[in-house]
Amino acid sequence: MTHTAVRDRALPNLPSRDLDATEAFYAGFGFERRFRDEGWLILRRGELQLEFFPFPGLDPAESASRCTIRVADVDELADAIAASGVAVAEQGFPRLHEVRRQDWGLRAGHLVDPDGNLLTLIEEPA
């Protein structure tokens, strides 16, 4: 079977207490709206795509939602996130954990968004 029009992919679906606030947060570091209605939000930054659904009662401190973002230049993404005002911190929402070489060999950092979603930012080897 040949797929020519659409490439195979999996996309994270993350909870959002407020789709407006989620869109504004991610826009701060380059994500743009691809689709929006009252029940769904799709944001893109280059080839990265995140999808969000409403979850108004979500407690960020109890969220177990997470996804991995693999990019060619993790420093560029982390710098854009920091430049948008997200603090490098160990606690609080939102927060950024600095990019460093991990014990498993690759350079990675973490973004925890205002809803407690954990996004692991990994630099893909060339």
C-alpha atoms as a PDB file:
ATOM      1  CA  MET A   1       0.000   0.000   0.000  1.00  0.00           C
ATOM      2  CA  THR A   2       1.395   3.402  -0.974  1.00  0.00           C
ATOM      3  CA  HIS A   3       0.566   6.622   0.843  1.00  0.00           C
ATOM      4  CA  THR A   4       1.272   9.641  -1.323  1.00  0.00           C
ATOM      5  CA  ALA A   5      -1.126  12.409  -0.297  1.00  0.00           C
ATOM      6  CA  VAL A   6      -0.822  12.116   3.499  1.00  0.00           C
ATOM      7  CA  ARG A   7       2.184  11.004   5.448  1.00  0.00           C
ATOM      8  CA  ASP A   8       1.644   8.655   8.362  1.00  0.00           C
ATOM      9  CA  ARG A   9       1.934  10.356  11.737  1.00  0.00           C
ATOM     10  CA  ALA A  10       0.664  10.404  15.290  1.00  0.00           C
ATOM     11  CA  LEU A  11      -0.311  13.672  16.962  1.00  0.00           C
ATOM     12  CA  PRO A  12      -0.708  14.475  20.642  1.00  0.00           C
ATOM     13  CA  ASN A  13      -4.149  15.443  21.915  1.00  0.00           C
ATOM     14  CA  LEU A  14      -3.693  17.483  25.072  1.00  0.00           C
ATOM     15  CA  PRO A  15      -6.217  18.871  27.564  1.00  0.00           C
ATOM     16  CA  SER A  16      -6.803  22.611  27.907  1.00  0.00           C
ATOM     17  CA  ARG A  17      -8.726  24.428  30.624  1.00  0.00           C
ATOM     18  CA  ASP A  18      -9.252  27.353  28.229  1.00  0.00           C
ATOM     19  CA  LEU A  19      -8.607  27.089  24.484  1.00  0.00           C
ATOM     20  CA  ASP A  20      -8.158  30.882  24.173  1.00  0.00           C
ATOM     21  CA  ALA A  21      -5.455  30.886  26.849  1.00  0.00           C
ATOM     22  CA  THR A  22      -3.779  27.818  25.318  1.00  0.00           C
ATOM     23  CA  GLU A  23      -3.688  29.426  21.887  1.00  0.00           C
ATOM     24  CA  ALA A  24      -2.215  32.652  23.292  1.00  0.00           C
ATOM     25  CA  PHE A  25       0.427  30.771  25.303  1.00  0.00           C
ATOM     26  CA  TYR A  26       1.709  28.708  22.365  1.00  0.00           C
ATOM     27  CA  ALA A  27       1.499  31.691  19.981  1.00  0.00           C
ATOM     28  CA  GLY A  28       4.108  33.354  22.174  1.00  0.00           C
ATOM     29  CA  PHE A  29       6.752  31.054  20.733  1.00  0.00           C
ATOM     30  CA  GLY A  30       5.573  30.626  17.187  1.00  0.00           C
ATOM     31  CA  PHE A  31       2.630  28.232  17.080  1.00  0.00           C
ATOM     32  CA  GLU A  32      -0.176  29.369  14.795  1.00  0.00           C
ATOM     33  CA  ARG A  33      -3.797  28.339  14.587  1.00  0.00           C
ATOM     34  CA  ARG A  34      -4.504  25.703  11.981  1.00  0.00           C
ATOM     35  CA  PHE A  35      -8.062  24.923  13.124  1.00  0.00           C
ATOM     36  CA  ARG A  36     -10.386  26.045  15.898  1.00  0.00           C
ATOM     37  CA  ASP A  37     -13.939  25.403  16.974  1.00  0.00           C
ATOM     38  CA  GLU A  38     -15.580  25.126  20.402  1.00  0.00           C
ATOM     39  CA  GLY A  39     -14.336  21.561  20.877  1.00  0.00           C
ATOM     40  CA  TRP A  40     -10.906  21.439  19.242  1.00  0.00           C
ATOM     41  CA  LEU A  41      -7.780  23.506  18.650  1.00  0.00           C
ATOM     42  CA  ILE A  42      -4.942  22.626  16.278  1.00  0.00           C
ATOM     43  CA  LEU A  43      -1.701  24.611  16.431  1.00  0.00           C
ATOM     44  CA  ARG A  44       1.337  24.380  14.138  1.00  0.00           C
ATOM     45  CA  ARG A  45       4.920  25.587  14.239  1.00  0.00           C
ATOM     46  CA  GLY A  46       6.695  24.435  11.113  1.00  0.00           C
ATOM     47  CA  GLU A  47       6.161  20.683  11.004  1.00  0.00           C
ATOM     48  CA  LEU A  48       5.174  20.476  14.683  1.00  0.00           C
ATOM     49  CA  GLN A  49       1.481  20.083  15.371  1.00  0.00           C
ATOM     50  CA  LEU A  50      -0.299  20.014  18.726  1.00  0.00           C
ATOM     51  CA  GLU A  51      -4.009  19.401  19.202  1.00  0.00           C
ATOM     52  CA  PHE A  52      -6.038  20.428  22.250  1.00  0.00           C
ATOM     53  CA  PHE A  53      -9.481  19.574  23.587  1.00  0.00           C
ATOM     54  CA  PRO A  54     -11.444  21.409  26.306  1.00  0.00           C
ATOM     55  CA  PHE A  55     -11.046  20.111  29.848  1.00  0.00           C
ATOM     56  CA  PRO A  56     -12.261  23.003  32.033  1.00  0.00           C
ATOM     57  CA  GLY A  57     -11.985  21.106  35.340  1.00  0.00           C
ATOM     58  CA  LEU A  58      -8.366  20.056  34.844  1.00  0.00           C
ATOM     59  CA  ASP A  59      -6.046  20.512  37.827  1.00  0.00           C
ATOM     60  CA  PRO A  60      -2.581  21.250  36.342  1.00  0.00           C
ATOM     61  CA  ALA A  61      -0.875  19.796  39.420  1.00  0.00           C
ATOM     62  CA  GLU A  62      -2.569  16.460  38.795  1.00  0.00           C
ATOM     63  CA  SER A  63      -2.223  16.299  35.014  1.00  0.00           C
ATOM     64  CA  ALA A  64      -0.514  13.215  33.636  1.00  0.00           C
ATOM     65  CA  SER A  65      -0.650  14.402  30.006  1.00  0.00           C
ATOM     66  CA  ARG A  66       2.618  14.418  28.145  1.00  0.00           C
ATOM     67  CA  CYS A  67       4.140  14.221  24.702  1.00  0.00           C
ATOM     68  CA  THR A  68       7.531  14.274  23.024  1.00  0.00           C
ATOM     69  CA  ILE A  69       8.605  16.905  20.520  1.00  0.00           C
ATOM     70  CA  ARG A  70      11.645  16.006  18.416  1.00  0.00           C
ATOM     71  CA  VAL A  71      13.378  18.853  16.611  1.00  0.00           C
ATOM     72  CA  ALA A  72      16.630  19.488  14.749  1.00  0.00           C
ATOM     73  CA  ASP A  73      17.511  22.478  16.970  1.00  0.00           C
ATOM     74  CA  VAL A  74      16.253  22.110  20.529  1.00  0.00           C
ATOM     75  CA  ASP A  75      18.097  25.250  21.629  1.00  0.00           C
ATOM     76  CA  GLU A  76      16.165  27.394  19.123  1.00  0.00           C
ATOM     77  CA  LEU A  77      12.853  26.084  20.446  1.00  0.00           C
ATOM     78  CA  ALA A  78      13.855  26.429  24.108  1.00  0.00           C
ATOM     79  CA  ASP A  79      15.177  29.958  23.480  1.00  0.00           C
ATOM     80  CA  ALA A  80      11.879  30.941  21.800  1.00  0.00           C
ATOM     81  CA  ILE A  81       9.921  29.559  24.751  1.00  0.00           C
ATOM     82  CA  ALA A  82      12.113  31.434  27.247  1.00  0.00           C
ATOM     83  CA  ALA A  83      11.886  34.648  25.185  1.00  0.00           C
ATOM     84  CA  SER A  84       8.080  34.428  25.420  1.00  0.00           C
ATOM     85  CA  GLY A  85       8.383  34.818  29.185  1.00  0.00           C
ATOM     86  CA  VAL A  86       8.276  31.209  30.378  1.00  0.00           C
ATOM     87  CA  ALA A  87      10.581  30.982  33.386  1.00  0.00           C
ATOM     88  CA  VAL A  88      13.231  28.316  33.849  1.00  0.00           C
ATOM     89  CA  ALA A  89      12.025  26.751  37.098  1.00  0.00           C
ATOM     90  CA  GLU A  90      11.501  23.473  38.928  1.00  0.00           C
ATOM     91  CA  GLN A  91       7.949  24.286  40.034  1.00  0.00           C
ATOM     92  CA  GLY A  92       4.946  26.248  38.863  1.00  0.00           C
ATOM     93  CA  PHE A  93       2.900  26.534  35.674  1.00  0.00           C
ATOM     94  CA  PRO A  94       4.124  27.230  33.068  1.00  0.00           C
ATOM     95  CA  ARG A  95       7.816  26.423  33.392  1.00  0.00           C
ATOM     96  CA  LEU A  96      10.809  25.406  31.311  1.00  0.00           C
ATOM     97  CA  HIS A  97      13.483  22.927  32.333  1.00  0.00           C
ATOM     98  CA  GLU A  98      16.832  23.733  30.742  1.00  0.00           C
ATOM     99  CA  VAL A  99      18.145  21.762  27.802  1.00  0.00           C
ATOM    100  CA  ARG A 100      21.014  19.475  28.761  1.00  0.00           C
ATOM    101  CA  ARG A 101      22.569  16.191  27.693  1.00  0.00           C
ATOM    102  CA  GLN A 102      20.477  13.452  29.260  1.00  0.00           C
ATOM    103  CA  ASP A 103      21.807  10.211  30.762  1.00  0.00           C
ATOM    104  CA  TRP A 104      20.308   8.402  27.756  1.00  0.00           C
ATOM    105  CA  GLY A 105      22.542  10.353  25.374  1.00  0.00           C
ATOM    106  CA  LEU A 106      20.462  13.031  23.662  1.00  0.00           C
ATOM    107  CA  ARG A 107      20.055  16.718  24.516  1.00  0.00           C
ATOM    108  CA  ALA A 108      16.617  17.468  25.885  1.00  0.00           C
ATOM    109  CA  GLY A 109      14.615  19.863  28.024  1.00  0.00           C
ATOM    110  CA  HIS A 110      11.027  20.045  29.190  1.00  0.00           C
ATOM    111  CA  LEU A 111       8.165  22.484  28.905  1.00  0.00           C
ATOM    112  CA  VAL A 112       5.279  22.273  31.347  1.00  0.00           C
ATOM    113  CA  ASP A 113       2.445  24.383  29.976  1.00  0.00           C
ATOM    114  CA  PRO A 114      -0.181  26.301  32.006  1.00  0.00           C
ATOM    115  CA  ASP A 115      -2.419  23.198  32.065  1.00  0.00           C
ATOM    116  CA  GLY A 116       0.306  20.890  33.391  1.00  0.00           C
ATOM    117  CA  ASN A 117       0.976  19.165  30.064  1.00  0.00           C
ATOM    118  CA  LEU A 118       4.599  17.973  29.986  1.00  0.00           C
ATOM    119  CA  LEU A 119       6.292  18.379  26.596  1.00  0.00           C
ATOM    120  CA  THR A 120       9.706  16.732  26.378  1.00  0.00           C
ATOM    121  CA  LEU A 121      11.811  18.672  23.867  1.00  0.00           C
ATOM    122  CA  ILE A 122      14.407  16.378  22.285  1.00  0.00           C
ATOM    123  CA  GLU A 123      17.102  17.235  19.760  1.00  0.00           C
ATOM    124  CA  GLU A 124      17.127  14.655  16.978  1.00  0.00           C
ATOM    125  CA  PRO A 125      20.597  13.665  15.860  1.00  0.00           C
ATOM    126  CA  ALA A 126      21.393  14.686  12.274  1.00  0.00           C
END
